Amino acid sequence: MDGIDLIARERREQKKKHNITTKSDSRYKHNELLMLVEYLLKEDNDSEKYNLEDYLFINESGPMMSLHFLEKLKDKSRFNKLIIAGALIAAELDVMKYRLVQGPDESLPKWWNMKDFKENPK
């Protein structure tokens, strides 16, 4: 199985096994999915990884994601973390397309812009 097949299989599993939808992923409005990708790509001894962990899982204003999910991620091999990271990038693309259809959202950051996607939706 090629890498793209592994990533697609992981994304399907996220949707079916964990009941994750594009709509539920769209609640992350400040790049949290991409921050999680960055978290997965960082080496365990990278201090920036701990900053991302604090923000995503231990945030004082309420964690973005569950500590149970964090513990499951920590147990994954480097290989599986890369597959999950790829599936999360696909999820972010799905969210961008979903938001384009839904129309403007005032709660999104000002820099969020779909101009490139509209002009080149390949």
N, C-alpha and C. Protein backbone atom coordinates (compact mmCIF):
# COMPACT_ATOMS: atom_id res chain seq x y z
N MET A 1 0.85 -1.17 0.00
CA MET A 1 0.00 0.00 0.00
C MET A 1 0.89 1.24 0.00
N ASP A 2 0.62 2.17 -0.91
CA ASP A 2 1.37 3.43 -0.99
C ASP A 2 0.97 4.37 0.14
N GLY A 3 1.81 5.40 0.34
CA GLY A 3 1.54 6.39 1.37
C GLY A 3 0.19 7.05 1.22
N ILE A 4 -0.17 7.40 0.01
CA ILE A 4 -1.46 8.07 -0.22
C ILE A 4 -2.62 7.15 0.17
N ASP A 5 -2.45 5.85 -0.07
CA ASP A 5 -3.48 4.88 0.32
C ASP A 5 -3.59 4.78 1.83
N LEU A 6 -2.45 4.80 2.52
CA LEU A 6 -2.45 4.74 3.98
C LEU A 6 -3.12 5.98 4.58
N ILE A 7 -2.84 7.13 3.99
CA ILE A 7 -3.44 8.38 4.47
C ILE A 7 -4.95 8.37 4.23
N ALA A 8 -5.37 7.93 3.04
CA ALA A 8 -6.81 7.86 2.73
C ALA A 8 -7.51 6.88 3.67
N ARG A 9 -6.88 5.76 3.95
CA ARG A 9 -7.47 4.78 4.86
C ARG A 9 -7.61 5.38 6.27
N GLU A 10 -6.62 6.11 6.72
CA GLU A 10 -6.68 6.76 8.03
C GLU A 10 -7.80 7.80 8.08
N ARG A 11 -7.94 8.58 7.02
CA ARG A 11 -9.01 9.60 6.99
C ARG A 11 -10.39 8.94 7.03
N ARG A 12 -10.54 7.85 6.29
CA ARG A 12 -11.81 7.11 6.33
C ARG A 12 -12.07 6.56 7.73
N GLU A 13 -11.02 6.08 8.39
CA GLU A 13 -11.17 5.56 9.75
C GLU A 13 -11.56 6.68 10.72
N GLN A 14 -10.97 7.86 10.55
CA GLN A 14 -11.34 9.00 11.40
C GLN A 14 -12.83 9.28 11.27
N LYS A 15 -13.33 9.19 10.06
CA LYS A 15 -14.74 9.50 9.82
C LYS A 15 -15.66 8.38 10.33
N LYS A 16 -15.32 7.14 10.03
CA LYS A 16 -16.22 6.04 10.37
C LYS A 16 -16.08 5.58 11.82
N LYS A 17 -14.88 5.28 12.23
CA LYS A 17 -14.66 4.73 13.57
C LYS A 17 -14.85 5.77 14.67
N HIS A 18 -14.42 7.00 14.40
CA HIS A 18 -14.45 8.04 15.43
C HIS A 18 -15.57 9.06 15.20
N ASN A 19 -16.38 8.83 14.18
CA ASN A 19 -17.52 9.71 13.86
C ASN A 19 -17.11 11.17 13.67
N ILE A 20 -15.97 11.38 13.08
CA ILE A 20 -15.50 12.73 12.79
C ILE A 20 -16.07 13.15 11.44
N THR A 21 -16.61 14.35 11.40
CA THR A 21 -17.16 14.88 10.16
C THR A 21 -16.43 16.19 9.82
N THR A 22 -16.59 16.62 8.60
CA THR A 22 -16.02 17.90 8.21
C THR A 22 -16.64 19.01 9.05
N LYS A 23 -17.92 18.90 9.32
CA LYS A 23 -18.58 19.91 10.15
C LYS A 23 -17.98 19.94 11.55
N SER A 24 -17.74 18.77 12.14
CA SER A 24 -17.14 18.77 13.49
C SER A 24 -15.70 19.27 13.45
N ASP A 25 -14.96 18.97 12.39
CA ASP A 25 -13.60 19.49 12.25
C ASP A 25 -13.59 21.01 12.08
N SER A 26 -14.67 21.54 11.53
CA SER A 26 -14.71 22.98 11.25
C SER A 26 -14.80 23.82 12.53
N ARG A 27 -15.01 23.19 13.68
CA ARG A 27 -15.03 23.95 14.95
C ARG A 27 -13.64 24.48 15.29
N TYR A 28 -12.60 23.91 14.69
CA TYR A 28 -11.24 24.39 14.90
C TYR A 28 -10.99 25.54 13.93
N LYS A 29 -10.99 26.75 14.46
CA LYS A 29 -10.95 27.94 13.60
C LYS A 29 -9.63 28.70 13.65
N HIS A 30 -8.67 28.17 14.39
CA HIS A 30 -7.40 28.88 14.53
C HIS A 30 -6.22 27.97 14.22
N ASN A 31 -6.36 27.21 13.16
CA ASN A 31 -5.28 26.33 12.67
C ASN A 31 -4.96 25.15 13.59
N GLU A 32 -5.90 24.77 14.45
CA GLU A 32 -5.60 23.68 15.39
C GLU A 32 -5.27 22.37 14.68
N LEU A 33 -5.95 22.07 13.59
CA LEU A 33 -5.65 20.81 12.87
C LEU A 33 -4.22 20.84 12.33
N LEU A 34 -3.82 21.98 11.79
CA LEU A 34 -2.46 22.08 11.28
C LEU A 34 -1.43 22.14 12.40
N MET A 35 -1.81 22.70 13.54
CA MET A 35 -0.92 22.67 14.71
C MET A 35 -0.72 21.23 15.17
N LEU A 36 -1.79 20.45 15.09
CA LEU A 36 -1.68 19.04 15.46
C LEU A 36 -0.76 18.30 14.48
N VAL A 37 -0.82 18.65 13.21
CA VAL A 37 0.11 18.08 12.23
C VAL A 37 1.54 18.43 12.64
N GLU A 38 1.77 19.69 12.95
CA GLU A 38 3.11 20.13 13.38
C GLU A 38 3.55 19.36 14.62
N TYR A 39 2.64 19.20 15.57
CA TYR A 39 2.93 18.45 16.79
C TYR A 39 3.39 17.02 16.45
N LEU A 40 2.67 16.38 15.54
CA LEU A 40 3.00 15.01 15.17
C LEU A 40 4.35 14.90 14.46
N LEU A 41 4.75 15.95 13.77
CA LEU A 41 6.00 15.91 13.01
C LEU A 41 7.23 16.25 13.85
N LYS A 42 7.03 16.88 14.99
CA LYS A 42 8.15 17.28 15.86
C LYS A 42 8.72 16.06 16.58
N GLU A 43 10.03 16.12 16.81
CA GLU A 43 10.69 15.09 17.61
C GLU A 43 10.28 15.25 19.06
N ASP A 44 10.29 14.16 19.82
CA ASP A 44 9.84 14.20 21.21
C ASP A 44 10.65 15.15 22.09
N ASN A 45 11.90 15.38 21.76
CA ASN A 45 12.75 16.26 22.59
C ASN A 45 12.72 17.72 22.13
N ASP A 46 11.87 18.06 21.19
CA ASP A 46 11.75 19.43 20.68
C ASP A 46 10.89 20.25 21.64
N SER A 47 11.44 21.33 22.19
CA SER A 47 10.70 22.13 23.17
C SER A 47 9.43 22.74 22.58
N GLU A 48 9.42 23.03 21.29
CA GLU A 48 8.23 23.59 20.65
C GLU A 48 7.07 22.59 20.69
N LYS A 49 7.40 21.31 20.70
CA LYS A 49 6.36 20.28 20.78
C LYS A 49 5.57 20.44 22.08
N TYR A 50 6.26 20.78 23.17
CA TYR A 50 5.58 20.94 24.46
C TYR A 50 4.68 22.18 24.45
N ASN A 51 5.10 23.23 23.76
CA ASN A 51 4.25 24.42 23.64
C ASN A 51 2.96 24.08 22.88
N LEU A 52 3.09 23.34 21.81
CA LEU A 52 1.92 22.92 21.04
C LEU A 52 1.03 22.01 21.88
N GLU A 53 1.65 21.12 22.63
CA GLU A 53 0.88 20.22 23.51
C GLU A 53 0.08 21.02 24.53
N ASP A 54 0.72 22.00 25.14
CA ASP A 54 0.02 22.84 26.12
C ASP A 54 -1.17 23.54 25.48
N TYR A 55 -0.96 24.10 24.30
CA TYR A 55 -2.03 24.84 23.63
C TYR A 55 -3.19 23.92 23.22
N LEU A 56 -2.86 22.80 22.63
CA LEU A 56 -3.90 21.92 22.08
C LEU A 56 -4.61 21.07 23.14
N PHE A 57 -3.89 20.68 24.19
CA PHE A 57 -4.45 19.71 25.11
C PHE A 57 -4.61 20.19 26.56
N ILE A 58 -3.89 21.24 26.96
CA ILE A 58 -3.90 21.64 28.37
C ILE A 58 -4.24 23.13 28.50
N ASN A 59 -4.72 23.73 27.49
CA ASN A 59 -5.03 25.16 27.43
C ASN A 59 -5.89 25.59 28.62
N GLU A 60 -5.50 26.68 29.29
CA GLU A 60 -6.23 27.18 30.45
C GLU A 60 -7.68 27.54 30.14
N SER A 61 -7.92 28.02 28.94
CA SER A 61 -9.29 28.41 28.57
C SER A 61 -10.11 27.20 28.11
N GLY A 62 -9.55 26.03 28.27
CA GLY A 62 -10.25 24.80 27.88
C GLY A 62 -9.48 24.14 26.75
N PRO A 63 -9.15 22.87 26.92
CA PRO A 63 -8.37 22.19 25.89
C PRO A 63 -9.14 22.07 24.58
N MET A 64 -8.39 22.11 23.51
CA MET A 64 -8.99 21.95 22.18
C MET A 64 -9.32 20.47 21.93
N MET A 65 -8.47 19.61 22.46
CA MET A 65 -8.59 18.18 22.21
C MET A 65 -8.38 17.44 23.52
N SER A 66 -8.87 16.21 23.61
CA SER A 66 -8.84 15.47 24.87
C SER A 66 -7.45 14.93 25.21
N LEU A 67 -7.19 14.83 26.50
CA LEU A 67 -5.94 14.24 26.96
C LEU A 67 -5.87 12.76 26.60
N HIS A 68 -7.01 12.10 26.53
CA HIS A 68 -7.05 10.70 26.10
C HIS A 68 -6.50 10.59 24.67
N PHE A 69 -6.91 11.51 23.81
CA PHE A 69 -6.42 11.54 22.43
C PHE A 69 -4.91 11.78 22.41
N LEU A 70 -4.43 12.68 23.25
CA LEU A 70 -3.00 12.96 23.34
C LEU A 70 -2.23 11.69 23.72
N GLU A 71 -2.70 10.97 24.72
CA GLU A 71 -2.02 9.75 25.15
C GLU A 71 -1.99 8.71 24.03
N LYS A 72 -3.08 8.61 23.28
CA LYS A 72 -3.10 7.68 22.15
C LYS A 72 -2.08 8.08 21.09
N LEU A 73 -1.96 9.38 20.83
CA LEU A 73 -0.99 9.86 19.84
C LEU A 73 0.44 9.57 20.28
N LYS A 74 0.71 9.76 21.56
CA LYS A 74 2.07 9.54 22.07
C LYS A 74 2.52 8.10 21.90
N ASP A 75 1.57 7.16 21.92
CA ASP A 75 1.89 5.74 21.79
C ASP A 75 2.13 5.31 20.34
N LYS A 76 1.84 6.19 19.39
CA LYS A 76 1.98 5.84 17.97
C LYS A 76 3.44 5.86 17.54
N SER A 77 3.76 5.02 16.57
CA SER A 77 5.11 5.03 15.98
C SER A 77 5.27 6.25 15.07
N ARG A 78 6.49 6.56 14.74
CA ARG A 78 6.77 7.67 13.82
C ARG A 78 6.02 7.46 12.49
N PHE A 79 6.02 6.23 12.01
CA PHE A 79 5.34 5.86 10.77
C PHE A 79 3.85 6.21 10.86
N ASN A 80 3.21 5.78 11.93
CA ASN A 80 1.78 6.05 12.09
C ASN A 80 1.47 7.52 12.33
N LYS A 81 2.38 8.22 13.00
CA LYS A 81 2.19 9.67 13.19
C LYS A 81 2.20 10.40 11.85
N LEU A 82 3.05 9.95 10.94
CA LEU A 82 3.08 10.57 9.61
C LEU A 82 1.78 10.32 8.84
N ILE A 83 1.23 9.13 8.97
CA ILE A 83 -0.03 8.80 8.32
C ILE A 83 -1.15 9.68 8.88
N ILE A 84 -1.20 9.81 10.20
CA ILE A 84 -2.23 10.64 10.84
C ILE A 84 -2.06 12.09 10.42
N ALA A 85 -0.82 12.57 10.36
CA ALA A 85 -0.56 13.95 9.94
C ALA A 85 -1.09 14.18 8.52
N GLY A 86 -0.86 13.24 7.63
CA GLY A 86 -1.38 13.36 6.27
C GLY A 86 -2.89 13.41 6.24
N ALA A 87 -3.53 12.58 7.05
CA ALA A 87 -5.00 12.57 7.11
C ALA A 87 -5.52 13.88 7.68
N LEU A 88 -4.80 14.47 8.62
CA LEU A 88 -5.22 15.76 9.19
C LEU A 88 -5.08 16.90 8.18
N ILE A 89 -4.09 16.82 7.32
CA ILE A 89 -3.96 17.81 6.24
C ILE A 89 -5.17 17.67 5.30
N ALA A 90 -5.55 16.44 4.98
CA ALA A 90 -6.74 16.21 4.16
C ALA A 90 -7.98 16.78 4.86
N ALA A 91 -8.05 16.60 6.18
CA ALA A 91 -9.19 17.13 6.94
C ALA A 91 -9.24 18.65 6.85
N GLU A 92 -8.09 19.30 6.94
CA GLU A 92 -8.04 20.76 6.84
C GLU A 92 -8.51 21.21 5.46
N LEU A 93 -8.12 20.51 4.42
CA LEU A 93 -8.59 20.83 3.07
C LEU A 93 -10.10 20.67 2.97
N ASP A 94 -10.63 19.61 3.58
CA ASP A 94 -12.08 19.40 3.59
C ASP A 94 -12.78 20.55 4.30
N VAL A 95 -12.21 21.00 5.40
CA VAL A 95 -12.79 22.12 6.16
C VAL A 95 -12.78 23.40 5.32
N MET A 96 -11.69 23.64 4.60
CA MET A 96 -11.62 24.83 3.76
C MET A 96 -12.72 24.80 2.69
N LYS A 97 -12.91 23.65 2.06
CA LYS A 97 -13.98 23.52 1.06
C LYS A 97 -15.35 23.70 1.71
N TYR A 98 -15.54 23.14 2.88
CA TYR A 98 -16.81 23.26 3.61
C TYR A 98 -17.11 24.72 3.92
N ARG A 99 -16.12 25.45 4.38
CA ARG A 99 -16.32 26.86 4.72
C ARG A 99 -16.61 27.70 3.49
N LEU A 100 -16.03 27.33 2.38
CA LEU A 100 -16.29 28.04 1.13
C LEU A 100 -17.78 27.93 0.78
N VAL A 101 -18.34 26.75 0.94
CA VAL A 101 -19.75 26.52 0.64
C VAL A 101 -20.65 27.21 1.67
N GLN A 102 -20.25 27.20 2.94
CA GLN A 102 -21.05 27.77 4.01
C GLN A 102 -21.11 29.30 3.97
N GLY A 103 -20.12 29.91 3.37
CA GLY A 103 -20.10 31.37 3.29
C GLY A 103 -19.29 31.99 4.42
N PRO A 104 -19.26 33.32 4.48
CA PRO A 104 -18.43 34.02 5.45
C PRO A 104 -18.76 33.65 6.89
N ASP A 105 -17.72 33.59 7.70
CA ASP A 105 -17.86 33.29 9.13
C ASP A 105 -17.09 34.36 9.89
N GLU A 106 -17.81 35.21 10.58
CA GLU A 106 -17.20 36.34 11.30
C GLU A 106 -16.26 35.89 12.41
N SER A 107 -16.40 34.65 12.87
CA SER A 107 -15.53 34.19 13.95
C SER A 107 -14.16 33.74 13.45
N LEU A 108 -13.99 33.66 12.14
CA LEU A 108 -12.69 33.27 11.59
C LEU A 108 -11.72 34.44 11.65
N PRO A 109 -10.42 34.14 11.78
CA PRO A 109 -9.43 35.22 11.77
C PRO A 109 -9.49 36.02 10.46
N LYS A 110 -9.11 37.28 10.51
CA LYS A 110 -9.18 38.16 9.33
C LYS A 110 -8.31 37.65 8.18
N TRP A 111 -7.18 36.99 8.50
CA TRP A 111 -6.26 36.54 7.45
C TRP A 111 -6.81 35.37 6.65
N TRP A 112 -7.87 34.71 7.17
CA TRP A 112 -8.39 33.53 6.50
C TRP A 112 -9.01 33.94 5.17
N ASN A 113 -8.50 33.39 4.06
CA ASN A 113 -8.93 33.83 2.74
C ASN A 113 -9.01 32.63 1.79
N MET A 114 -10.11 32.50 1.12
CA MET A 114 -10.29 31.39 0.19
C MET A 114 -10.02 31.78 -1.26
N LYS A 115 -9.47 32.97 -1.51
CA LYS A 115 -9.26 33.44 -2.87
C LYS A 115 -8.46 32.43 -3.70
N ASP A 116 -7.36 31.93 -3.16
CA ASP A 116 -6.53 30.98 -3.91
C ASP A 116 -7.30 29.71 -4.22
N PHE A 117 -8.08 29.25 -3.28
CA PHE A 117 -8.83 28.01 -3.48
C PHE A 117 -9.90 28.20 -4.57
N LYS A 118 -10.56 29.34 -4.56
CA LYS A 118 -11.60 29.62 -5.55
C LYS A 118 -11.01 29.67 -6.96
N GLU A 119 -9.82 30.24 -7.07
CA GLU A 119 -9.22 30.40 -8.40
C GLU A 119 -8.56 29.13 -8.89
N ASN A 120 -8.18 28.23 -7.97
CA ASN A 120 -7.45 27.03 -8.36
C ASN A 120 -7.95 25.84 -7.55
N PRO A 121 -9.18 25.39 -7.77
CA PRO A 121 -9.76 24.34 -6.94
C PRO A 121 -9.35 22.90 -7.32
N LYS A 122 -8.20 22.73 -7.92
CA LYS A 122 -7.76 21.40 -8.38
C LYS A 122 -7.59 20.45 -7.22
